Amino acid sequence: SEAGITADCFVFLNVPDEVLVERVVGRRTDPETGKIYHMTFSPPDDEEVLARLEQRSDDTEEKVKVRLEQFHTNVAAVKGSYEDISIDIDGTQKPDTVAESIRVALQEKL
């Protein structure tokens, strides 16, 4: 608010930590194309692509858990301050369903 900006709504995507860890740890990037794959949910069909995939150095289980601890600390402060304008969405659903849930919730809230 000091900058003259106020939020109309905060959207929180609720996903259990173990699901987030699985999503992040399985993520790989093709350095040639920049395309992102997931080793469980969307692996590449091409063996050549599979062989060149890279994992980000901070996408290890240990580092993700540290980031999640920091996130939970920070989000608790935000949620407490903006409870009256926050929306909680189940982030474990399919991406299209999550997007539709957000759209509907925003229409109802705003």
N, C-alpha and C. Protein backbone atom coordinates (compact mmCIF):
# COMPACT_ATOMS: atom_id res chain seq x y z
N SER A 1 0.82 -1.20 0.00
CA SER A 1 0.00 0.00 0.00
C SER A 1 0.86 1.26 0.00
N GLU A 2 2.10 1.19 0.48
CA GLU A 2 2.98 2.35 0.46
C GLU A 2 3.25 2.84 -0.96
N ALA A 3 3.23 1.93 -1.92
CA ALA A 3 3.48 2.28 -3.31
C ALA A 3 2.20 2.69 -4.03
N GLY A 4 1.09 2.73 -3.29
CA GLY A 4 -0.17 3.08 -3.91
C GLY A 4 -0.84 1.93 -4.63
N ILE A 5 -0.39 0.72 -4.35
CA ILE A 5 -0.95 -0.46 -4.98
C ILE A 5 -1.62 -1.30 -3.91
N THR A 6 -2.85 -1.69 -4.17
CA THR A 6 -3.55 -2.58 -3.25
C THR A 6 -4.05 -3.80 -4.01
N ALA A 7 -4.05 -4.92 -3.34
CA ALA A 7 -4.51 -6.16 -3.97
C ALA A 7 -6.01 -6.28 -3.83
N ASP A 8 -6.63 -6.75 -4.89
CA ASP A 8 -8.06 -7.05 -4.85
C ASP A 8 -8.29 -8.47 -4.38
N CYS A 9 -7.32 -9.34 -4.64
CA CYS A 9 -7.50 -10.75 -4.34
C CYS A 9 -6.15 -11.46 -4.30
N PHE A 10 -6.03 -12.44 -3.41
CA PHE A 10 -4.90 -13.35 -3.39
C PHE A 10 -5.42 -14.74 -3.68
N VAL A 11 -4.79 -15.42 -4.63
CA VAL A 11 -5.17 -16.79 -4.97
C VAL A 11 -4.10 -17.72 -4.43
N PHE A 12 -4.51 -18.66 -3.61
CA PHE A 12 -3.61 -19.65 -3.04
C PHE A 12 -3.92 -21.01 -3.64
N LEU A 13 -2.93 -21.61 -4.29
CA LEU A 13 -3.09 -22.95 -4.84
C LEU A 13 -2.61 -23.94 -3.79
N ASN A 14 -3.53 -24.71 -3.26
CA ASN A 14 -3.20 -25.65 -2.19
C ASN A 14 -2.77 -26.99 -2.79
N VAL A 15 -1.53 -27.35 -2.52
CA VAL A 15 -0.95 -28.60 -2.99
C VAL A 15 -0.11 -29.16 -1.85
N PRO A 16 -0.32 -30.42 -1.48
CA PRO A 16 0.50 -31.01 -0.41
C PRO A 16 1.99 -30.97 -0.76
N ASP A 17 2.82 -30.79 0.25
CA ASP A 17 4.26 -30.69 0.03
C ASP A 17 4.82 -31.89 -0.73
N GLU A 18 4.35 -33.09 -0.40
CA GLU A 18 4.90 -34.28 -1.07
C GLU A 18 4.61 -34.27 -2.57
N VAL A 19 3.47 -33.71 -2.96
CA VAL A 19 3.13 -33.59 -4.38
C VAL A 19 4.04 -32.56 -5.04
N LEU A 20 4.26 -31.44 -4.37
CA LEU A 20 5.15 -30.41 -4.91
C LEU A 20 6.57 -30.93 -5.08
N VAL A 21 7.05 -31.67 -4.09
CA VAL A 21 8.39 -32.24 -4.18
C VAL A 21 8.48 -33.17 -5.38
N GLU A 22 7.48 -34.02 -5.55
CA GLU A 22 7.48 -34.94 -6.69
C GLU A 22 7.47 -34.19 -8.02
N ARG A 23 6.68 -33.14 -8.10
CA ARG A 23 6.60 -32.35 -9.33
C ARG A 23 7.94 -31.69 -9.66
N VAL A 24 8.58 -31.12 -8.66
CA VAL A 24 9.82 -30.38 -8.90
C VAL A 24 11.01 -31.32 -9.14
N VAL A 25 11.13 -32.35 -8.33
CA VAL A 25 12.28 -33.25 -8.43
C VAL A 25 12.28 -34.00 -9.77
N GLY A 26 11.12 -34.25 -10.33
CA GLY A 26 11.05 -34.97 -11.60
C GLY A 26 11.19 -34.09 -12.83
N ARG A 27 11.30 -32.79 -12.63
CA ARG A 27 11.36 -31.84 -13.76
C ARG A 27 12.74 -31.88 -14.41
N ARG A 28 12.74 -31.88 -15.74
CA ARG A 28 13.98 -31.83 -16.52
C ARG A 28 13.79 -30.88 -17.69
N THR A 29 14.89 -30.29 -18.15
CA THR A 29 14.85 -29.34 -19.26
C THR A 29 15.75 -29.82 -20.38
N ASP A 30 15.26 -29.68 -21.61
CA ASP A 30 16.08 -29.97 -22.78
C ASP A 30 16.89 -28.71 -23.08
N PRO A 31 18.21 -28.76 -22.93
CA PRO A 31 19.02 -27.56 -23.13
C PRO A 31 19.02 -27.04 -24.57
N GLU A 32 18.67 -27.89 -25.52
CA GLU A 32 18.65 -27.46 -26.92
C GLU A 32 17.38 -26.71 -27.28
N THR A 33 16.25 -27.16 -26.73
CA THR A 33 14.97 -26.56 -27.11
C THR A 33 14.36 -25.71 -26.00
N GLY A 34 14.81 -25.92 -24.76
CA GLY A 34 14.22 -25.23 -23.62
C GLY A 34 12.93 -25.87 -23.14
N LYS A 35 12.49 -26.92 -23.80
CA LYS A 35 11.24 -27.59 -23.41
C LYS A 35 11.43 -28.29 -22.07
N ILE A 36 10.39 -28.21 -21.25
CA ILE A 36 10.42 -28.83 -19.93
C ILE A 36 9.64 -30.14 -19.97
N TYR A 37 10.24 -31.16 -19.40
CA TYR A 37 9.63 -32.48 -19.30
C TYR A 37 9.52 -32.85 -17.83
N HIS A 38 8.74 -33.89 -17.57
CA HIS A 38 8.70 -34.48 -16.23
C HIS A 38 8.94 -35.97 -16.39
N MET A 39 9.84 -36.50 -15.63
CA MET A 39 10.25 -37.89 -15.81
C MET A 39 9.13 -38.89 -15.55
N THR A 40 8.13 -38.52 -14.76
CA THR A 40 7.00 -39.40 -14.50
C THR A 40 5.78 -39.03 -15.33
N PHE A 41 5.45 -37.74 -15.35
CA PHE A 41 4.18 -37.30 -15.94
C PHE A 41 4.25 -36.97 -17.43
N SER A 42 5.40 -36.55 -17.92
CA SER A 42 5.50 -36.21 -19.35
C SER A 42 6.94 -36.39 -19.85
N PRO A 43 7.42 -37.63 -19.82
CA PRO A 43 8.78 -37.87 -20.30
C PRO A 43 8.85 -37.74 -21.82
N PRO A 44 10.04 -37.47 -22.35
CA PRO A 44 10.16 -37.38 -23.81
C PRO A 44 10.04 -38.76 -24.44
N ASP A 45 9.53 -38.80 -25.67
CA ASP A 45 9.42 -40.07 -26.40
C ASP A 45 10.75 -40.47 -27.03
N ASP A 46 11.57 -39.49 -27.32
CA ASP A 46 12.82 -39.68 -28.05
C ASP A 46 13.97 -39.97 -27.08
N GLU A 47 14.66 -41.08 -27.29
CA GLU A 47 15.79 -41.46 -26.43
C GLU A 47 16.92 -40.43 -26.49
N GLU A 48 17.11 -39.81 -27.65
CA GLU A 48 18.15 -38.79 -27.80
C GLU A 48 17.86 -37.58 -26.92
N VAL A 49 16.59 -37.18 -26.89
CA VAL A 49 16.18 -36.06 -26.04
C VAL A 49 16.35 -36.46 -24.58
N LEU A 50 15.92 -37.66 -24.24
CA LEU A 50 16.03 -38.14 -22.87
C LEU A 50 17.48 -38.08 -22.37
N ALA A 51 18.40 -38.45 -23.23
CA ALA A 51 19.82 -38.50 -22.85
C ALA A 51 20.40 -37.12 -22.55
N ARG A 52 19.85 -36.07 -23.15
CA ARG A 52 20.44 -34.74 -22.95
C ARG A 52 19.69 -33.89 -21.91
N LEU A 53 18.64 -34.43 -21.32
CA LEU A 53 17.88 -33.66 -20.34
C LEU A 53 18.75 -33.30 -19.14
N GLU A 54 18.48 -32.11 -18.60
CA GLU A 54 19.22 -31.63 -17.44
C GLU A 54 18.26 -31.29 -16.31
N GLN A 55 18.74 -31.50 -15.09
CA GLN A 55 17.98 -31.13 -13.90
C GLN A 55 18.62 -29.88 -13.30
N ARG A 56 17.79 -28.93 -12.91
CA ARG A 56 18.32 -27.73 -12.24
C ARG A 56 18.99 -28.14 -10.93
N SER A 57 20.04 -27.44 -10.59
CA SER A 57 20.79 -27.79 -9.38
C SER A 57 19.97 -27.62 -8.10
N ASP A 58 18.97 -26.75 -8.13
CA ASP A 58 18.15 -26.54 -6.93
C ASP A 58 16.86 -27.35 -6.94
N ASP A 59 16.75 -28.29 -7.86
CA ASP A 59 15.56 -29.15 -7.92
C ASP A 59 15.78 -30.49 -7.24
N THR A 60 16.63 -30.53 -6.23
CA THR A 60 16.81 -31.75 -5.45
C THR A 60 15.78 -31.76 -4.32
N GLU A 61 15.50 -32.93 -3.81
CA GLU A 61 14.50 -33.05 -2.74
C GLU A 61 14.88 -32.20 -1.53
N GLU A 62 16.13 -32.22 -1.15
CA GLU A 62 16.57 -31.47 0.02
C GLU A 62 16.35 -29.97 -0.16
N LYS A 63 16.74 -29.46 -1.31
CA LYS A 63 16.62 -28.02 -1.56
C LYS A 63 15.16 -27.60 -1.73
N VAL A 64 14.36 -28.45 -2.32
CA VAL A 64 12.94 -28.14 -2.48
C VAL A 64 12.28 -28.06 -1.11
N LYS A 65 12.62 -28.96 -0.22
CA LYS A 65 12.03 -28.94 1.13
C LYS A 65 12.40 -27.67 1.88
N VAL A 66 13.62 -27.19 1.71
CA VAL A 66 14.04 -25.92 2.34
C VAL A 66 13.22 -24.77 1.75
N ARG A 67 13.05 -24.76 0.44
CA ARG A 67 12.25 -23.70 -0.20
C ARG A 67 10.81 -23.74 0.29
N LEU A 68 10.27 -24.94 0.47
CA LEU A 68 8.90 -25.07 0.96
C LEU A 68 8.76 -24.55 2.39
N GLU A 69 9.74 -24.81 3.23
CA GLU A 69 9.70 -24.28 4.60
C GLU A 69 9.65 -22.76 4.58
N GLN A 70 10.48 -22.15 3.75
CA GLN A 70 10.49 -20.69 3.62
C GLN A 70 9.14 -20.19 3.10
N PHE A 71 8.61 -20.89 2.12
CA PHE A 71 7.31 -20.52 1.55
C PHE A 71 6.23 -20.54 2.62
N HIS A 72 6.16 -21.62 3.39
CA HIS A 72 5.12 -21.74 4.41
C HIS A 72 5.23 -20.62 5.45
N THR A 73 6.43 -20.25 5.81
CA THR A 73 6.62 -19.14 6.75
C THR A 73 6.10 -17.84 6.16
N ASN A 74 6.46 -17.57 4.92
CA ASN A 74 6.04 -16.32 4.27
C ASN A 74 4.56 -16.27 3.97
N VAL A 75 4.00 -17.39 3.51
CA VAL A 75 2.60 -17.38 3.11
C VAL A 75 1.68 -17.25 4.32
N ALA A 76 2.11 -17.74 5.46
CA ALA A 76 1.29 -17.62 6.66
C ALA A 76 1.05 -16.15 7.00
N ALA A 77 2.07 -15.33 6.85
CA ALA A 77 1.93 -13.90 7.13
C ALA A 77 0.99 -13.23 6.14
N VAL A 78 1.10 -13.60 4.88
CA VAL A 78 0.23 -13.02 3.85
C VAL A 78 -1.21 -13.45 4.07
N LYS A 79 -1.41 -14.73 4.30
CA LYS A 79 -2.78 -15.23 4.50
C LYS A 79 -3.45 -14.55 5.69
N GLY A 80 -2.71 -14.39 6.76
CA GLY A 80 -3.29 -13.76 7.93
C GLY A 80 -3.69 -12.31 7.69
N SER A 81 -2.91 -11.62 6.90
CA SER A 81 -3.18 -10.20 6.64
C SER A 81 -4.28 -9.97 5.61
N TYR A 82 -4.48 -10.94 4.74
CA TYR A 82 -5.41 -10.74 3.62
C TYR A 82 -6.50 -11.81 3.57
N GLU A 83 -6.85 -12.31 4.72
CA GLU A 83 -7.83 -13.40 4.78
C GLU A 83 -9.15 -13.04 4.10
N ASP A 84 -9.55 -11.78 4.21
CA ASP A 84 -10.84 -11.37 3.65
C ASP A 84 -10.84 -11.28 2.13
N ILE A 85 -9.66 -11.27 1.49
CA ILE A 85 -9.64 -11.20 0.03
C ILE A 85 -8.90 -12.39 -0.58
N SER A 86 -8.74 -13.46 0.18
CA SER A 86 -8.02 -14.61 -0.35
C SER A 86 -8.97 -15.69 -0.84
N ILE A 87 -8.48 -16.44 -1.81
CA ILE A 87 -9.22 -17.55 -2.40
C ILE A 87 -8.30 -18.77 -2.33
N ASP A 88 -8.85 -19.89 -1.88
CA ASP A 88 -8.09 -21.13 -1.84
C ASP A 88 -8.58 -22.05 -2.96
N ILE A 89 -7.64 -22.56 -3.73
CA ILE A 89 -7.94 -23.43 -4.86
C ILE A 89 -7.17 -24.74 -4.69
N ASP A 90 -7.82 -25.85 -5.02
CA ASP A 90 -7.16 -27.15 -4.99
C ASP A 90 -6.22 -27.24 -6.19
N GLY A 91 -4.93 -27.17 -5.94
CA GLY A 91 -3.94 -27.20 -7.00
C GLY A 91 -3.52 -28.59 -7.42
N THR A 92 -4.18 -29.63 -6.89
CA THR A 92 -3.83 -30.99 -7.28
C THR A 92 -4.64 -31.46 -8.49
N GLN A 93 -5.58 -30.66 -8.92
CA GLN A 93 -6.41 -31.02 -10.06
C GLN A 93 -5.63 -30.84 -11.37
N LYS A 94 -6.23 -31.26 -12.47
CA LYS A 94 -5.61 -31.06 -13.78
C LYS A 94 -5.51 -29.56 -14.05
N PRO A 95 -4.48 -29.14 -14.79
CA PRO A 95 -4.27 -27.70 -15.04
C PRO A 95 -5.51 -26.97 -15.57
N ASP A 96 -6.23 -27.57 -16.49
CA ASP A 96 -7.43 -26.92 -17.02
C ASP A 96 -8.48 -26.72 -15.94
N THR A 97 -8.61 -27.71 -15.06
CA THR A 97 -9.58 -27.62 -13.97
C THR A 97 -9.16 -26.56 -12.97
N VAL A 98 -7.87 -26.48 -12.67
CA VAL A 98 -7.36 -25.44 -11.77
C VAL A 98 -7.66 -24.06 -12.35
N ALA A 99 -7.37 -23.89 -13.63
CA ALA A 99 -7.61 -22.60 -14.29
C ALA A 99 -9.09 -22.22 -14.23
N GLU A 100 -9.96 -23.18 -14.47
CA GLU A 100 -11.40 -22.90 -14.43
C GLU A 100 -11.84 -22.59 -13.00
N SER A 101 -11.31 -23.28 -12.02
CA SER A 101 -11.64 -23.01 -10.62
C SER A 101 -11.22 -21.59 -10.24
N ILE A 102 -10.06 -21.17 -10.70
CA ILE A 102 -9.59 -19.81 -10.43
C ILE A 102 -10.52 -18.80 -11.09
N ARG A 103 -10.86 -19.05 -12.35
CA ARG A 103 -11.73 -18.12 -13.08
C ARG A 103 -13.07 -17.95 -12.36
N VAL A 104 -13.68 -19.05 -11.98
CA VAL A 104 -14.98 -19.01 -11.29
C VAL A 104 -14.86 -18.29 -9.95
N ALA A 105 -13.83 -18.63 -9.18
CA ALA A 105 -13.64 -18.01 -7.86
C ALA A 105 -13.42 -16.51 -7.98
N LEU A 106 -12.65 -16.09 -8.97
CA LEU A 106 -12.41 -14.66 -9.16
C LEU A 106 -13.69 -13.93 -9.56
N GLN A 107 -14.50 -14.55 -10.40
CA GLN A 107 -15.77 -13.93 -10.78
C GLN A 107 -16.67 -13.74 -9.57
N GLU A 108 -16.68 -14.74 -8.69
CA GLU A 108 -17.52 -14.65 -7.49
C GLU A 108 -16.97 -13.63 -6.51
N LYS A 109 -15.64 -13.53 -6.41
CA LYS A 109 -15.00 -12.66 -5.43
C LYS A 109 -15.00 -11.19 -5.86
N LEU A 110 -14.80 -10.96 -7.14
CA LEU A 110 -14.66 -9.58 -7.62
C LEU A 110 -15.93 -9.12 -8.19
